PDB file of N, CA and C in Angstrom:
ATOM      1  N   MET A   1     127.051 162.185 138.242  1.00  0.00           N
ATOM      2  CA  MET A   1     128.163 163.032 138.639  1.00  0.00           C
ATOM      3  C   MET A   1     129.429 162.506 137.960  1.00  0.00           C
ATOM      4  N   ALA A   2     130.282 163.398 137.566  1.00  0.00           N
ATOM      5  CA  ALA A   2     131.473 162.976 136.837  1.00  0.00           C
ATOM      6  C   ALA A   2     132.732 163.217 137.648  1.00  0.00           C
ATOM      7  N   ASP A   3     133.481 162.172 137.871  1.00  0.00           N
ATOM      8  CA  ASP A   3     134.790 162.246 138.519  1.00  0.00           C
ATOM      9  C   ASP A   3     134.840 163.211 139.696  1.00  0.00           C
ATOM     10  N   LEU A   4     134.147 162.879 140.743  1.00  0.00           N
ATOM     11  CA  LEU A   4     134.141 163.699 141.949  1.00  0.00           C
ATOM     12  C   LEU A   4     134.769 162.944 143.101  1.00  0.00           C
ATOM     13  N   LYS A   5     135.460 163.694 143.951  1.00  0.00           N
ATOM     14  CA  LYS A   5     135.940 163.139 145.209  1.00  0.00           C
ATOM     15  C   LYS A   5     135.224 163.914 146.310  1.00  0.00           C
ATOM     16  N   ILE A   6     134.443 163.181 147.091  1.00  0.00           N
ATOM     17  CA  ILE A   6     133.593 163.788 148.117  1.00  0.00           C
ATOM     18  C   ILE A   6     134.021 163.294 149.491  1.00  0.00           C
ATOM     19  N   LEU A   7     134.124 164.241 150.432  1.00  0.00           N
ATOM     20  CA  LEU A   7     134.423 163.921 151.822  1.00  0.00           C
ATOM     21  C   LEU A   7     133.223 164.315 152.675  1.00  0.00           C
ATOM     22  N   LEU A   8     132.715 163.361 153.436  1.00  0.00           N
ATOM     23  CA  LEU A   8     131.640 163.619 154.393  1.00  0.00           C
ATOM     24  C   LEU A   8     132.254 163.654 155.784  1.00  0.00           C
ATOM     25  N   ILE A   9     132.060 164.765 156.493  1.00  0.00           N
ATOM     26  CA  ILE A   9     132.536 164.888 157.873  1.00  0.00           C
ATOM     27  C   ILE A   9     131.304 164.983 158.763  1.00  0.00           C
ATOM     28  N   ASP A  10     131.018 163.889 159.471  1.00  0.00           N
ATOM     29  CA  ASP A  10     129.828 163.817 160.319  1.00  0.00           C
ATOM     30  C   ASP A  10     130.047 162.715 161.343  1.00  0.00           C
ATOM     31  N   ASP A  11     129.682 162.964 162.589  1.00  0.00           N
ATOM     32  CA  ASP A  11     129.881 161.968 163.640  1.00  0.00           C
ATOM     33  C   ASP A  11     128.773 160.925 163.690  1.00  0.00           C
ATOM     34  N   SER A  12     127.726 161.095 162.916  1.00  0.00           N
ATOM     35  CA  SER A  12     126.603 160.157 162.916  1.00  0.00           C
ATOM     36  C   SER A  12     126.851 159.016 161.924  1.00  0.00           C
ATOM     37  N   LYS A  13     126.907 157.808 162.448  1.00  0.00           N
ATOM     38  CA  LYS A  13     127.102 156.633 161.580  1.00  0.00           C
ATOM     39  C   LYS A  13     125.932 156.465 160.613  1.00  0.00           C
ATOM     40  N   SER A  14     124.713 156.772 161.068  1.00  0.00           N
ATOM     41  CA  SER A  14     123.560 156.603 160.179  1.00  0.00           C
ATOM     42  C   SER A  14     123.622 157.593 159.014  1.00  0.00           C
ATOM     43  N   ILE A  15     124.074 158.813 159.265  1.00  0.00           N
ATOM     44  CA  ILE A  15     124.228 159.794 158.171  1.00  0.00           C
ATOM     45  C   ILE A  15     125.338 159.330 157.236  1.00  0.00           C
ATOM     46  N   GLN A  16     126.457 158.866 157.803  1.00  0.00           N
ATOM     47  CA  GLN A  16     127.560 158.371 156.964  1.00  0.00           C
ATOM     48  C   GLN A  16     127.077 157.254 156.050  1.00  0.00           C
ATOM     49  N   THR A  17     126.349 156.308 156.614  1.00  0.00           N
ATOM     50  CA  THR A  17     125.851 155.174 155.828  1.00  0.00           C
ATOM     51  C   THR A  17     124.877 155.639 154.752  1.00  0.00           C
ATOM     52  N   PHE A  18     123.947 156.508 155.124  1.00  0.00           N
ATOM     53  CA  PHE A  18     122.946 156.990 154.172  1.00  0.00           C
ATOM     54  C   PHE A  18     123.601 157.726 153.002  1.00  0.00           C
ATOM     55  N   VAL A  19     124.497 158.669 153.293  1.00  0.00           N
ATOM     56  CA  VAL A  19     125.115 159.456 152.221  1.00  0.00           C
ATOM     57  C   VAL A  19     126.023 158.570 151.368  1.00  0.00           C
ATOM     58  N   ALA A  20     126.755 157.650 151.990  1.00  0.00           N
ATOM     59  CA  ALA A  20     127.598 156.722 151.224  1.00  0.00           C
ATOM     60  C   ALA A  20     126.747 155.900 150.262  1.00  0.00           C
ATOM     61  N   GLU A  21     125.588 155.442 150.716  1.00  0.00           N
ATOM     62  CA  GLU A  21     124.692 154.666 149.849  1.00  0.00           C
ATOM     63  C   GLU A  21     124.171 155.503 148.680  1.00  0.00           C
ATOM     64  N   CYS A  22     123.996 156.792 148.897  1.00  0.00           N
ATOM     65  CA  CYS A  22     123.541 157.677 147.811  1.00  0.00           C
ATOM     66  C   CYS A  22     124.526 157.678 146.644  1.00  0.00           C
ATOM     67  N   PHE A  23     125.814 157.534 146.946  1.00  0.00           N
ATOM     68  CA  PHE A  23     126.847 157.586 145.907  1.00  0.00           C
ATOM     69  C   PHE A  23     127.391 156.216 145.517  1.00  0.00           C
ATOM     70  N   SER A  24     126.869 155.156 146.118  1.00  0.00           N
ATOM     71  CA  SER A  24     127.445 153.821 145.914  1.00  0.00           C
ATOM     72  C   SER A  24     127.333 153.303 144.486  1.00  0.00           C
ATOM     73  N   ASN A  25     126.362 153.775 143.728  1.00  0.00           N
ATOM     74  CA  ASN A  25     126.193 153.296 142.349  1.00  0.00           C
ATOM     75  C   ASN A  25     126.912 154.152 141.318  1.00  0.00           C
ATOM     76  N   ASP A  26     127.678 155.132 141.775  1.00  0.00           N
ATOM     77  CA  ASP A  26     128.382 156.023 140.856  1.00  0.00           C
ATOM     78  C   ASP A  26     129.869 155.686 140.855  1.00  0.00           C
ATOM     79  N   PRO A  27     130.345 154.971 139.833  1.00  0.00           N
ATOM     80  CA  PRO A  27     131.749 154.562 139.802  1.00  0.00           C
ATOM     81  C   PRO A  27     132.717 155.731 139.625  1.00  0.00           C
ATOM     82  N   ASP A  28     132.211 156.897 139.220  1.00  0.00           N
ATOM     83  CA  ASP A  28     133.076 158.059 139.011  1.00  0.00           C
ATOM     84  C   ASP A  28     133.248 158.907 140.266  1.00  0.00           C
ATOM     85  N   THR A  29     132.591 158.522 141.347  1.00  0.00           N
ATOM     86  CA  THR A  29     132.678 159.288 142.587  1.00  0.00           C
ATOM     87  C   THR A  29     133.432 158.490 143.635  1.00  0.00           C
ATOM     88  N   LYS A  30     134.491 159.109 144.175  1.00  0.00           N
ATOM     89  CA  LYS A  30     135.209 158.515 145.302  1.00  0.00           C
ATOM     90  C   LYS A  30     134.640 159.160 146.561  1.00  0.00           C
ATOM     91  N   PHE A  31     134.232 158.337 147.508  1.00  0.00           N
ATOM     92  CA  PHE A  31     133.553 158.825 148.703  1.00  0.00           C
ATOM     93  C   PHE A  31     134.384 158.506 149.938  1.00  0.00           C
ATOM     94  N   LEU A  32     134.689 159.527 150.729  1.00  0.00           N
ATOM     95  CA  LEU A  32     135.487 159.389 151.947  1.00  0.00           C
ATOM     96  C   LEU A  32     134.660 159.882 153.131  1.00  0.00           C
ATOM     97  N   THR A  33     134.931 159.335 154.323  1.00  0.00           N
ATOM     98  CA  THR A  33     134.214 159.796 155.512  1.00  0.00           C
ATOM     99  C   THR A  33     135.181 160.070 156.654  1.00  0.00           C
ATOM    100  N   ALA A  34     134.757 160.988 157.521  1.00  0.00           N
ATOM    101  CA  ALA A  34     135.486 161.294 158.752  1.00  0.00           C
ATOM    102  C   ALA A  34     134.462 161.479 159.862  1.00  0.00           C
ATOM    103  N   ASN A  35     134.835 161.069 161.075  1.00  0.00           N
ATOM    104  CA  ASN A  35     133.920 161.128 162.213  1.00  0.00           C
ATOM    105  C   ASN A  35     133.893 162.479 162.920  1.00  0.00           C
ATOM    106  N   ASN A  36     134.889 163.319 162.657  1.00  0.00           N
ATOM    107  CA  ASN A  36     134.942 164.633 163.297  1.00  0.00           C
ATOM    108  C   ASN A  36     135.804 165.574 162.456  1.00  0.00           C
ATOM    109  N   GLY A  37     135.802 166.848 162.829  1.00  0.00           N
ATOM    110  CA  GLY A  37     136.523 167.849 162.055  1.00  0.00           C
ATOM    111  C   GLY A  37     138.014 167.610 161.983  1.00  0.00           C
ATOM    112  N   LYS A  38     138.614 167.220 163.092  1.00  0.00           N
ATOM    113  CA  LYS A  38     140.063 166.970 163.116  1.00  0.00           C
ATOM    114  C   LYS A  38     140.423 165.865 162.131  1.00  0.00           C
ATOM    115  N   MET A  39     139.662 164.799 162.163  1.00  0.00           N
ATOM    116  CA  MET A  39     139.883 163.678 161.245  1.00  0.00           C
ATOM    117  C   MET A  39     139.662 164.122 159.788  1.00  0.00           C
ATOM    118  N   GLY A  40     138.652 164.940 159.564  1.00  0.00           N
ATOM    119  CA  GLY A  40     138.379 165.449 158.224  1.00  0.00           C
ATOM    120  C   GLY A  40     139.533 166.272 157.680  1.00  0.00           C
ATOM    121  N   LEU A  41     140.118 167.116 158.527  1.00  0.00           N
ATOM    122  CA  LEU A  41     141.263 167.931 158.105  1.00  0.00           C
ATOM    123  C   LEU A  41     142.465 167.054 157.773  1.00  0.00           C
ATOM    124  N   GLU A  42     142.655 165.985 158.543  1.00  0.00           N
ATOM    125  CA  GLU A  42     143.750 165.048 158.251  1.00  0.00           C
ATOM    126  C   GLU A  42     143.536 164.388 156.891  1.00  0.00           C
ATOM    127  N   ILE A  43     142.314 164.002 156.596  1.00  0.00           N
ATOM    128  CA  ILE A  43     142.020 163.391 155.293  1.00  0.00           C
ATOM    129  C   ILE A  43     142.271 164.392 154.171  1.00  0.00           C
ATOM    130  N   LEU A  44     141.890 165.652 154.368  1.00  0.00           N
ATOM    131  CA  LEU A  44     142.130 166.669 153.340  1.00  0.00           C
ATOM    132  C   LEU A  44     143.622 166.877 153.083  1.00  0.00           C
ATOM    133  N   GLU A  45     144.444 166.710 154.107  1.00  0.00           N
ATOM    134  CA  GLU A  45     145.897 166.809 153.904  1.00  0.00           C
ATOM    135  C   GLU A  45     146.404 165.640 153.063  1.00  0.00           C
ATOM    136  N   GLU A  46     145.853 164.454 153.309  1.00  0.00           N
ATOM    137  CA  GLU A  46     146.261 163.253 152.565  1.00  0.00           C
ATOM    138  C   GLU A  46     145.638 163.197 151.175  1.00  0.00           C
ATOM    139  N   GLU A  47     144.481 163.802 151.014  1.00  0.00           N
ATOM    140  CA  GLU A  47     143.716 163.766 149.755  1.00  0.00           C
ATOM    141  C   GLU A  47     143.396 165.209 149.330  1.00  0.00           C
ATOM    142  N   PRO A  48     144.411 165.957 148.890  1.00  0.00           N
ATOM    143  CA  PRO A  48     144.194 167.386 148.606  1.00  0.00           C
ATOM    144  C   PRO A  48     143.294 167.670 147.406  1.00  0.00           C
ATOM    145  N   ASP A  49     142.962 166.645 146.634  1.00  0.00           N
ATOM    146  CA  ASP A  49     142.125 166.868 145.448  1.00  0.00           C
ATOM    147  C   ASP A  49     140.638 166.600 145.701  1.00  0.00           C
ATOM    148  N   VAL A  50     140.226 166.652 146.971  1.00  0.00           N
ATOM    149  CA  VAL A  50     138.801 166.534 147.295  1.00  0.00           C
ATOM    150  C   VAL A  50     138.076 167.714 146.656  1.00  0.00           C
ATOM    151  N   ASP A  51     136.963 167.425 145.994  1.00  0.00           N
ATOM    152  CA  ASP A  51     136.178 168.465 145.325  1.00  0.00           C
ATOM    153  C   ASP A  51     135.128 169.093 146.237  1.00  0.00           C
ATOM    154  N   ILE A  52     134.462 168.236 147.010  1.00  0.00           N
ATOM    155  CA  ILE A  52     133.315 168.686 147.803  1.00  0.00           C
ATOM    156  C   ILE A  52     133.378 168.074 149.196  1.00  0.00           C
ATOM    157  N   VAL A  53     133.104 168.910 150.199  1.00  0.00           N
ATOM    158  CA  VAL A  53     132.997 168.442 151.575  1.00  0.00           C
ATOM    159  C   VAL A  53     131.566 168.685 152.046  1.00  0.00           C
ATOM    160  N   PHE A  54     130.929 167.620 152.521  1.00  0.00           N
ATOM    161  CA  PHE A  54     129.667 167.747 153.243  1.00  0.00           C
ATOM    162  C   PHE A  54     130.052 167.784 154.715  1.00  0.00           C
ATOM    163  N   LEU A  55     129.694 168.850 155.415  1.00  0.00           N
ATOM    164  CA  LEU A  55     130.198 169.093 156.765  1.00  0.00           C
ATOM    165  C   LEU A  55     129.057 169.318 157.749  1.00  0.00           C
ATOM    166  N   ASP A  56     129.019 168.487 158.778  1.00  0.00           N
ATOM    167  CA  ASP A  56     128.024 168.633 159.838  1.00  0.00           C
ATOM    168  C   ASP A  56     128.394 169.822 160.723  1.00  0.00           C
ATOM    169  N   TRP A  57     127.398 170.525 161.211  1.00  0.00           N
ATOM    170  CA  TRP A  57     127.641 171.678 162.076  1.00  0.00           C
ATOM    171  C   TRP A  57     128.015 171.227 163.490  1.00  0.00           C
ATOM    172  N   GLU A  58     127.258 170.283 164.053  1.00  0.00           N
ATOM    173  CA  GLU A  58     127.439 169.898 165.452  1.00  0.00           C
ATOM    174  C   GLU A  58     128.150 168.555 165.552  1.00  0.00           C
ATOM    175  N   MET A  59     129.422 168.620 166.002  1.00  0.00           N
ATOM    176  CA  MET A  59     130.242 167.413 166.146  1.00  0.00           C
ATOM    177  C   MET A  59     131.154 167.561 167.354  1.00  0.00           C
ATOM    178  N   PRO A  60     131.627 166.437 167.880  1.00  0.00           N
ATOM    179  CA  PRO A  60     132.631 166.503 168.940  1.00  0.00           C
ATOM    180  C   PRO A  60     134.001 166.853 168.344  1.00  0.00           C
ATOM    181  N   VAL A  61     134.947 167.153 169.180  1.00  0.00           N
ATOM    182  CA  VAL A  61     136.346 167.468 168.845  1.00  0.00           C
ATOM    183  C   VAL A  61     136.452 168.857 168.214  1.00  0.00           C
ATOM    184  N   MET A  62     135.897 169.062 167.027  1.00  0.00           N
ATOM    185  CA  MET A  62     135.841 170.380 166.379  1.00  0.00           C
ATOM    186  C   MET A  62     134.443 170.525 165.798  1.00  0.00           C
ATOM    187  N   ASN A  63     133.780 171.640 166.082  1.00  0.00           N
ATOM    188  CA  ASN A  63     132.457 171.804 165.476  1.00  0.00           C
ATOM    189  C   ASN A  63     132.597 172.181 164.005  1.00  0.00           C
ATOM    190  N   GLY A  64     131.480 172.241 163.312  1.00  0.00           N
ATOM    191  CA  GLY A  64     131.504 172.486 161.875  1.00  0.00           C
ATOM    192  C   GLY A  64     132.075 173.833 161.484  1.00  0.00           C
ATOM    193  N   ILE A  65     131.788 174.877 162.261  1.00  0.00           N
ATOM    194  CA  ILE A  65     132.294 176.210 161.928  1.00  0.00           C
ATOM    195  C   ILE A  65     133.810 176.262 162.109  1.00  0.00           C
ATOM    196  N   GLU A  66     134.326 175.680 163.193  1.00  0.00           N
ATOM    197  CA  GLU A  66     135.785 175.628 163.391  1.00  0.00           C
ATOM    198  C   GLU A  66     136.449 174.848 162.256  1.00  0.00           C
ATOM    199  N   THR A  67     135.841 173.746 161.886  1.00  0.00           N
ATOM    200  CA  THR A  67     136.375 172.926 160.797  1.00  0.00           C
ATOM    201  C   THR A  67     136.313 173.688 159.481  1.00  0.00           C
ATOM    202  N   LEU A  68     135.201 174.359 159.228  1.00  0.00           N
ATOM    203  CA  LEU A  68     135.044 175.159 158.019  1.00  0.00           C
ATOM    204  C   LEU A  68     136.131 176.225 157.925  1.00  0.00           C
ATOM    205  N   ASP A  69     136.404 176.910 159.037  1.00  0.00           N
ATOM    206  CA  ASP A  69     137.459 177.932 159.043  1.00  0.00           C
ATOM    207  C   ASP A  69     138.803 177.339 158.628  1.00  0.00           C
ATOM    208  N   GLU A  70     139.125 176.170 159.151  1.00  0.00           N
ATOM    209  CA  GLU A  70     140.401 175.520 158.816  1.00  0.00           C
ATOM    210  C   GLU A  70     140.427 175.047 157.365  1.00  0.00           C
ATOM    211  N   ILE A  71     139.317 174.515 156.892  1.00  0.00           N
ATOM    212  CA  ILE A  71     139.255 174.076 155.493  1.00  0.00           C
ATOM    213  C   ILE A  71     139.501 175.270 154.580  1.00  0.00           C
ATOM    214  N   LYS A  72     138.816 176.373 154.834  1.00  0.00           N
ATOM    215  CA  LYS A  72     138.941 177.547 153.966  1.00  0.00           C
ATOM    216  C   LYS A  72     140.333 178.175 154.059  1.00  0.00           C
ATOM    217  N   LYS A  73     140.976 178.043 155.212  1.00  0.00           N
ATOM    218  CA  LYS A  73     142.323 178.584 155.386  1.00  0.00           C
ATOM    219  C   LYS A  73     143.347 177.805 154.552  1.00  0.00           C
ATOM    220  N   HIS A  74     143.193 176.488 154.480  1.00  0.00           N
ATOM    221  CA  HIS A  74     144.204 175.633 153.847  1.00  0.00           C
ATOM    222  C   HIS A  74     143.767 175.021 152.517  1.00  0.00           C
ATOM    223  N   HIS A  75     142.483 175.008 152.238  1.00  0.00           N
ATOM    224  CA  HIS A  75     141.945 174.386 151.016  1.00  0.00           C
ATOM    225  C   HIS A  75     140.830 175.275 150.467  1.00  0.00           C
ATOM    226  N   SER A  76     141.165 176.481 150.116  1.00  0.00           N
ATOM    227  CA  SER A  76     140.160 177.505 149.808  1.00  0.00           C
ATOM    228  C   SER A  76     139.267 177.180 148.611  1.00  0.00           C
ATOM    229  N   LYS A  77     139.727 176.332 147.710  1.00  0.00           N
ATOM    230  CA  LYS A  77     138.933 176.031 146.514  1.00  0.00           C
ATOM    231  C   LYS A  77     137.898 174.919 146.722  1.00  0.00           C
ATOM    232  N   VAL A  78     137.970 174.238 147.849  1.00  0.00           N
ATOM    233  CA  VAL A  78     137.045 173.133 148.117  1.00  0.00           C
ATOM    234  C   VAL A  78     135.630 173.675 148.342  1.00  0.00           C
ATOM    235  N   ILE A  79     134.676 173.048 147.699  1.00  0.00           N
ATOM    236  CA  ILE A  79     133.263 173.373 147.908  1.00  0.00           C
ATOM    237  C   ILE A  79     132.834 172.737 149.228  1.00  0.00           C
ATOM    238  N   VAL A  80     132.248 173.542 150.117  1.00  0.00           N
ATOM    239  CA  VAL A  80     131.791 173.021 151.405  1.00  0.00           C
ATOM    240  C   VAL A  80     130.284 173.234 151.522  1.00  0.00           C
ATOM    241  N   ILE A  81     129.580 172.129 151.715  1.00  0.00           N
ATOM    242  CA  ILE A  81     128.132 172.157 151.926  1.00  0.00           C
ATOM    243  C   ILE A  81     127.881 171.775 153.384  1.00  0.00           C
ATOM    244  N   MET A  82     127.397 172.730 154.161  1.00  0.00           N
ATOM    245  CA  MET A  82     127.100 172.465 155.564  1.00  0.00           C
ATOM    246  C   MET A  82     125.796 171.674 155.665  1.00  0.00           C
ATOM    247  N   MET A  83     125.753 170.771 156.621  1.00  0.00           N
ATOM    248  CA  MET A  83     124.544 169.990 156.904  1.00  0.00           C
ATOM    249  C   MET A  83     124.111 170.341 158.325  1.00  0.00           C
ATOM    250  N   THR A  84     122.881 170.815 158.464  1.00  0.00           N
ATOM    251  CA  THR A  84     122.471 171.299 159.772  1.00  0.00           C
ATOM    252  C   THR A  84     120.962 171.227 159.965  1.00  0.00           C
ATOM    253  N   SER A  85     120.567 171.216 161.214  1.00  0.00           N
ATOM    254  CA  SER A  85     119.148 171.362 161.536  1.00  0.00           C
ATOM    255  C   SER A  85     118.868 172.798 161.976  1.00  0.00           C
ATOM    256  N   LYS A  86     119.913 173.627 162.022  1.00  0.00           N
ATOM    257  CA  LYS A  86     119.760 175.045 162.382  1.00  0.00           C
ATOM    258  C   LYS A  86     119.235 175.797 161.167  1.00  0.00           C
ATOM    259  N   ASN A  87     118.079 176.430 161.308  1.00  0.00           N
ATOM    260  CA  ASN A  87     117.527 177.116 160.146  1.00  0.00           C
ATOM    261  C   ASN A  87     117.241 178.589 160.385  1.00  0.00           C
ATOM    262  N   GLY A  88     117.791 179.123 161.463  1.00  0.00           N
ATOM    263  CA  GLY A  88     117.620 180.550 161.721  1.00  0.00           C
ATOM    264  C   GLY A  88     118.471 181.374 160.773  1.00  0.00           C
ATOM    265  N   ALA A  89     118.018 182.578 160.468  1.00  0.00           N
ATOM    266  CA  ALA A  89     118.751 183.451 159.538  1.00  0.00           C
ATOM    267  C   ALA A  89     120.168 183.716 160.035  1.00  0.00           C
ATOM    268  N   PHE A  90     120.344 183.882 161.359  1.00  0.00           N
ATOM    269  CA  PHE A  90     121.671 184.130 161.915  1.00  0.00           C
ATOM    270  C   PHE A  90     122.602 182.952 161.648  1.00  0.00           C
ATOM    271  N   ASP A  91     122.112 181.734 161.867  1.00  0.00           N
ATOM    272  CA  ASP A  91     122.939 180.540 161.663  1.00  0.00           C
ATOM    273  C   ASP A  91     123.319 180.374 160.196  1.00  0.00           C
ATOM    274  N   ILE A  92     122.380 180.599 159.312  1.00  0.00           N
ATOM    275  CA  ILE A  92     122.651 180.476 157.876  1.00  0.00           C
ATOM    276  C   ILE A  92     123.667 181.526 157.450  1.00  0.00           C
ATOM    277  N   GLN A  93     123.485 182.753 157.926  1.00  0.00           N
ATOM    278  CA  GLN A  93     124.433 183.821 157.605  1.00  0.00           C
ATOM    279  C   GLN A  93     125.824 183.476 158.139  1.00  0.00           C
ATOM    280  N   LYS A  94     125.890 182.918 159.333  1.00  0.00           N
ATOM    281  CA  LYS A  94     127.175 182.552 159.936  1.00  0.00           C
ATOM    282  C   LYS A  94     127.905 181.529 159.069  1.00  0.00           C
ATOM    283  N   MET A  95     127.193 180.499 158.610  1.00  0.00           N
ATOM    284  CA  MET A  95     127.808 179.477 157.747  1.00  0.00           C
ATOM    285  C   MET A  95     128.391 180.116 156.490  1.00  0.00           C
ATOM    286  N   LEU A  96     127.600 180.957 155.861  1.00  0.00           N
ATOM    287  CA  LEU A  96     128.023 181.565 154.599  1.00  0.00           C
ATOM    288  C   LEU A  96     129.166 182.553 154.811  1.00  0.00           C
ATOM    289  N   LEU A  97     129.128 183.316 155.902  1.00  0.00           N
ATOM    290  CA  LEU A  97     130.216 184.253 156.197  1.00  0.00           C
ATOM    291  C   LEU A  97     131.533 183.539 156.473  1.00  0.00           C
ATOM    292  N   HIS A  98     131.448 182.342 157.027  1.00  0.00           N
ATOM    293  CA  HIS A  98     132.659 181.569 157.309  1.00  0.00           C
ATOM    294  C   HIS A  98     133.164 180.816 156.081  1.00  0.00           C
ATOM    295  N   GLY A  99     132.447 180.913 154.971  1.00  0.00           N
ATOM    296  CA  GLY A  99     132.959 180.348 153.729  1.00  0.00           C
ATOM    297  C   GLY A  99     132.239 179.142 153.175  1.00  0.00           C
ATOM    298  N   ALA A 100     131.126 178.739 153.794  1.00  0.00           N
ATOM    299  CA  ALA A 100     130.365 177.623 153.225  1.00  0.00           C
ATOM    300  C   ALA A 100     129.835 178.031 151.855  1.00  0.00           C
ATOM    301  N   THR A 101     129.886 177.101 150.922  1.00  0.00           N
ATOM    302  CA  THR A 101     129.345 177.358 149.592  1.00  0.00           C
ATOM    303  C   THR A 101     127.823 177.394 149.649  1.00  0.00           C
ATOM    304  N   ASP A 102     127.267 176.493 150.444  1.00  0.00           N
ATOM    305  CA  ASP A 102     125.819 176.395 150.590  1.00  0.00           C
ATOM    306  C   ASP A 102     125.535 175.498 151.787  1.00  0.00           C
ATOM    307  N   TYR A 103     124.274 175.173 151.995  1.00  0.00           N
ATOM    308  CA  TYR A 103     123.905 174.309 153.115  1.00  0.00           C
ATOM    309  C   TYR A 103     122.726 173.441 152.710  1.00  0.00           C
ATOM    310  N   ILE A 104     122.538 172.374 153.482  1.00  0.00           N
ATOM    311  CA  ILE A 104     121.412 171.473 153.279  1.00  0.00           C
ATOM    312  C   ILE A 104     120.820 171.199 154.665  1.00  0.00           C
ATOM    313  N   MET A 105     119.495 171.261 154.743  1.00  0.00           N
ATOM    314  CA  MET A 105     118.822 171.098 156.031  1.00  0.00           C
ATOM    315  C   MET A 105     118.613 169.618 156.359  1.00  0.00           C
ATOM    316  N   LYS A 106     118.854 169.276 157.630  1.00  0.00           N
ATOM    317  CA  LYS A 106     118.539 167.942 158.132  1.00  0.00           C
ATOM    318  C   LYS A 106     117.103 167.957 158.634  1.00  0.00           C
ATOM    319  N   PRO A 107     116.369 166.896 158.483  1.00  0.00           N
ATOM    320  CA  PRO A 107     116.730 165.678 157.746  1.00  0.00           C
ATOM    321  C   PRO A 107     116.638 165.934 156.244  1.00  0.00           C
ATOM    322  N   PHE A 108     117.470 165.227 155.494  1.00  0.00           N
ATOM    323  CA  PHE A 108     117.475 165.403 154.045  1.00  0.00           C
ATOM    324  C   PHE A 108     117.292 164.065 153.354  1.00  0.00           C
ATOM    325  N   THR A 109     116.946 164.146 152.075  1.00  0.00           N
ATOM    326  CA  THR A 109     116.732 162.951 151.263  1.00  0.00           C
ATOM    327  C   THR A 109     117.844 162.846 150.230  1.00  0.00           C
ATOM    328  N   ARG A 110     117.865 161.726 149.554  1.00  0.00           N
ATOM    329  CA  ARG A 110     118.814 161.530 148.452  1.00  0.00           C
ATOM    330  C   ARG A 110     118.618 162.622 147.396  1.00  0.00           C
ATOM    331  N   ASP A 111     117.374 162.926 147.075  1.00  0.00           N
ATOM    332  CA  ASP A 111     117.086 163.973 146.088  1.00  0.00           C
ATOM    333  C   ASP A 111     117.609 165.329 146.542  1.00  0.00           C
ATOM    334  N   ASN A 112     117.475 165.638 147.838  1.00  0.00           N
ATOM    335  CA  ASN A 112     118.010 166.906 148.349  1.00  0.00           C
ATOM    336  C   ASN A 112     119.509 167.003 148.099  1.00  0.00           C
ATOM    337  N   ILE A 113     120.224 165.907 148.345  1.00  0.00           N
ATOM    338  CA  ILE A 113     121.678 165.887 148.156  1.00  0.00           C
ATOM    339  C   ILE A 113     122.025 166.115 146.692  1.00  0.00           C
ATOM    340  N   PHE A 114     121.398 165.351 145.813  1.00  0.00           N
ATOM    341  CA  PHE A 114     121.736 165.459 144.392  1.00  0.00           C
ATOM    342  C   PHE A 114     121.269 166.778 143.778  1.00  0.00           C
ATOM    343  N   ASP A 115     120.135 167.291 144.217  1.00  0.00           N
ATOM    344  CA  ASP A 115     119.682 168.600 143.723  1.00  0.00           C
ATOM    345  C   ASP A 115     120.673 169.690 144.122  1.00  0.00           C
ATOM    346  N   LYS A 116     121.134 169.663 145.371  1.00  0.00           N
ATOM    347  CA  LYS A 116     122.086 170.672 145.848  1.00  0.00           C
ATOM    348  C   LYS A 116     123.408 170.552 145.098  1.00  0.00           C
ATOM    349  N   LEU A 117     123.884 169.326 144.918  1.00  0.00           N
ATOM    350  CA  LEU A 117     125.132 169.118 144.168  1.00  0.00           C
ATOM    351  C   LEU A 117     125.006 169.631 142.743  1.00  0.00           C
ATOM    352  N   GLN A 118     123.914 169.295 142.097  1.00  0.00           N
ATOM    353  CA  GLN A 118     123.707 169.725 140.713  1.00  0.00           C
ATOM    354  C   GLN A 118     123.675 171.247 140.616  1.00  0.00           C
ATOM    355  N   GLU A 119     122.985 171.872 141.546  1.00  0.00           N
ATOM    356  CA  GLU A 119     122.899 173.339 141.573  1.00  0.00           C
ATOM    357  C   GLU A 119     124.292 173.964 141.715  1.00  0.00           C
ATOM    358  N   ILE A 120     125.080 173.457 142.631  1.00  0.00           N
ATOM    359  CA  ILE A 120     126.418 174.012 142.876  1.00  0.00           C
ATOM    360  C   ILE A 120     127.347 173.749 141.703  1.00  0.00           C
ATOM    361  N   LEU A 121     127.320 172.536 141.166  1.00  0.00           N
ATOM    362  CA  LEU A 121     128.203 172.210 140.041  1.00  0.00           C
ATOM    363  C   LEU A 121     127.821 172.997 138.794  1.00  0.00           C
ATOM    364  N   THR A 122     126.535 173.247 138.602  1.00  0.00           N
ATOM    365  CA  THR A 122     126.095 174.065 137.465  1.00  0.00           C
ATOM    366  C   THR A 122     126.606 175.496 137.616  1.00  0.00           C
ATOM    367  N   LYS A 123     126.464 176.068 138.808  1.00  0.00           N
ATOM    368  CA  LYS A 123     126.969 177.422 139.056  1.00  0.00           C
ATOM    369  C   LYS A 123     128.477 177.484 138.817  1.00  0.00           C
ATOM    370  N   ARG A 124     129.188 176.449 139.298  1.00  0.00           N
ATOM    371  CA  ARG A 124     130.649 176.429 139.149  1.00  0.00           C
ATOM    372  C   ARG A 124     131.044 176.366 137.680  1.00  0.00           C
ATOM    373  N   SER A 125     130.344 175.561 136.882  1.00  0.00           N
ATOM    374  CA  SER A 125     130.698 175.446 135.460  1.00  0.00           C
ATOM    375  C   SER A 125     130.369 176.733 134.708  1.00  0.00           C
ATOM    376  N   LEU A 126     129.353 177.468 135.143  1.00  0.00           N
ATOM    377  CA  LEU A 126     129.013 178.735 134.500  1.00  0.00           C
ATOM    378  C   LEU A 126     130.058 179.811 134.781  1.00  0.00           C
ATOM    379  N   LYS A 127     130.741 179.698 135.927  1.00  0.00           N
ATOM    380  CA  LYS A 127     131.772 180.675 136.281  1.00  0.00           C
ATOM    381  C   LYS A 127     133.054 180.484 135.490  1.00  0.00           C
ATOM    382  N   LYS A 128     133.262 179.279 134.957  1.00  0.00           N
ATOM    383  CA  LYS A 128     134.510 178.981 134.235  1.00  0.00           C
ATOM    384  C   LYS A 128     134.527 179.604 132.867  1.00  0.00           C
TER     385      LYS A 128
END
């Protein structure tokens, strides 16, 4: 990955640790974490050049959909990848209607993360 700033918003310490380790060997990626949606929005205000947000659906303080709505309202160009164990068509449609770029199903692997990122970044470069 080249020069990316990624924000992970998830209340699970094990998910934070796992995803951070996925990017730990990439010196071109700056990795930030937040424990809940409110904290994530504060980080986005301080770090407006975040490229990608990995966003958990179920969190305390603000759930993922509420957080997604706020991100899209104030940072519309940010790519948001929802992370969820919800796999019903209604839930997937809801994420996408609220502005998620895509989603990744829990539990996920390192390969799932990088495959999804590559897919999204390839689509984005083709649009330019």
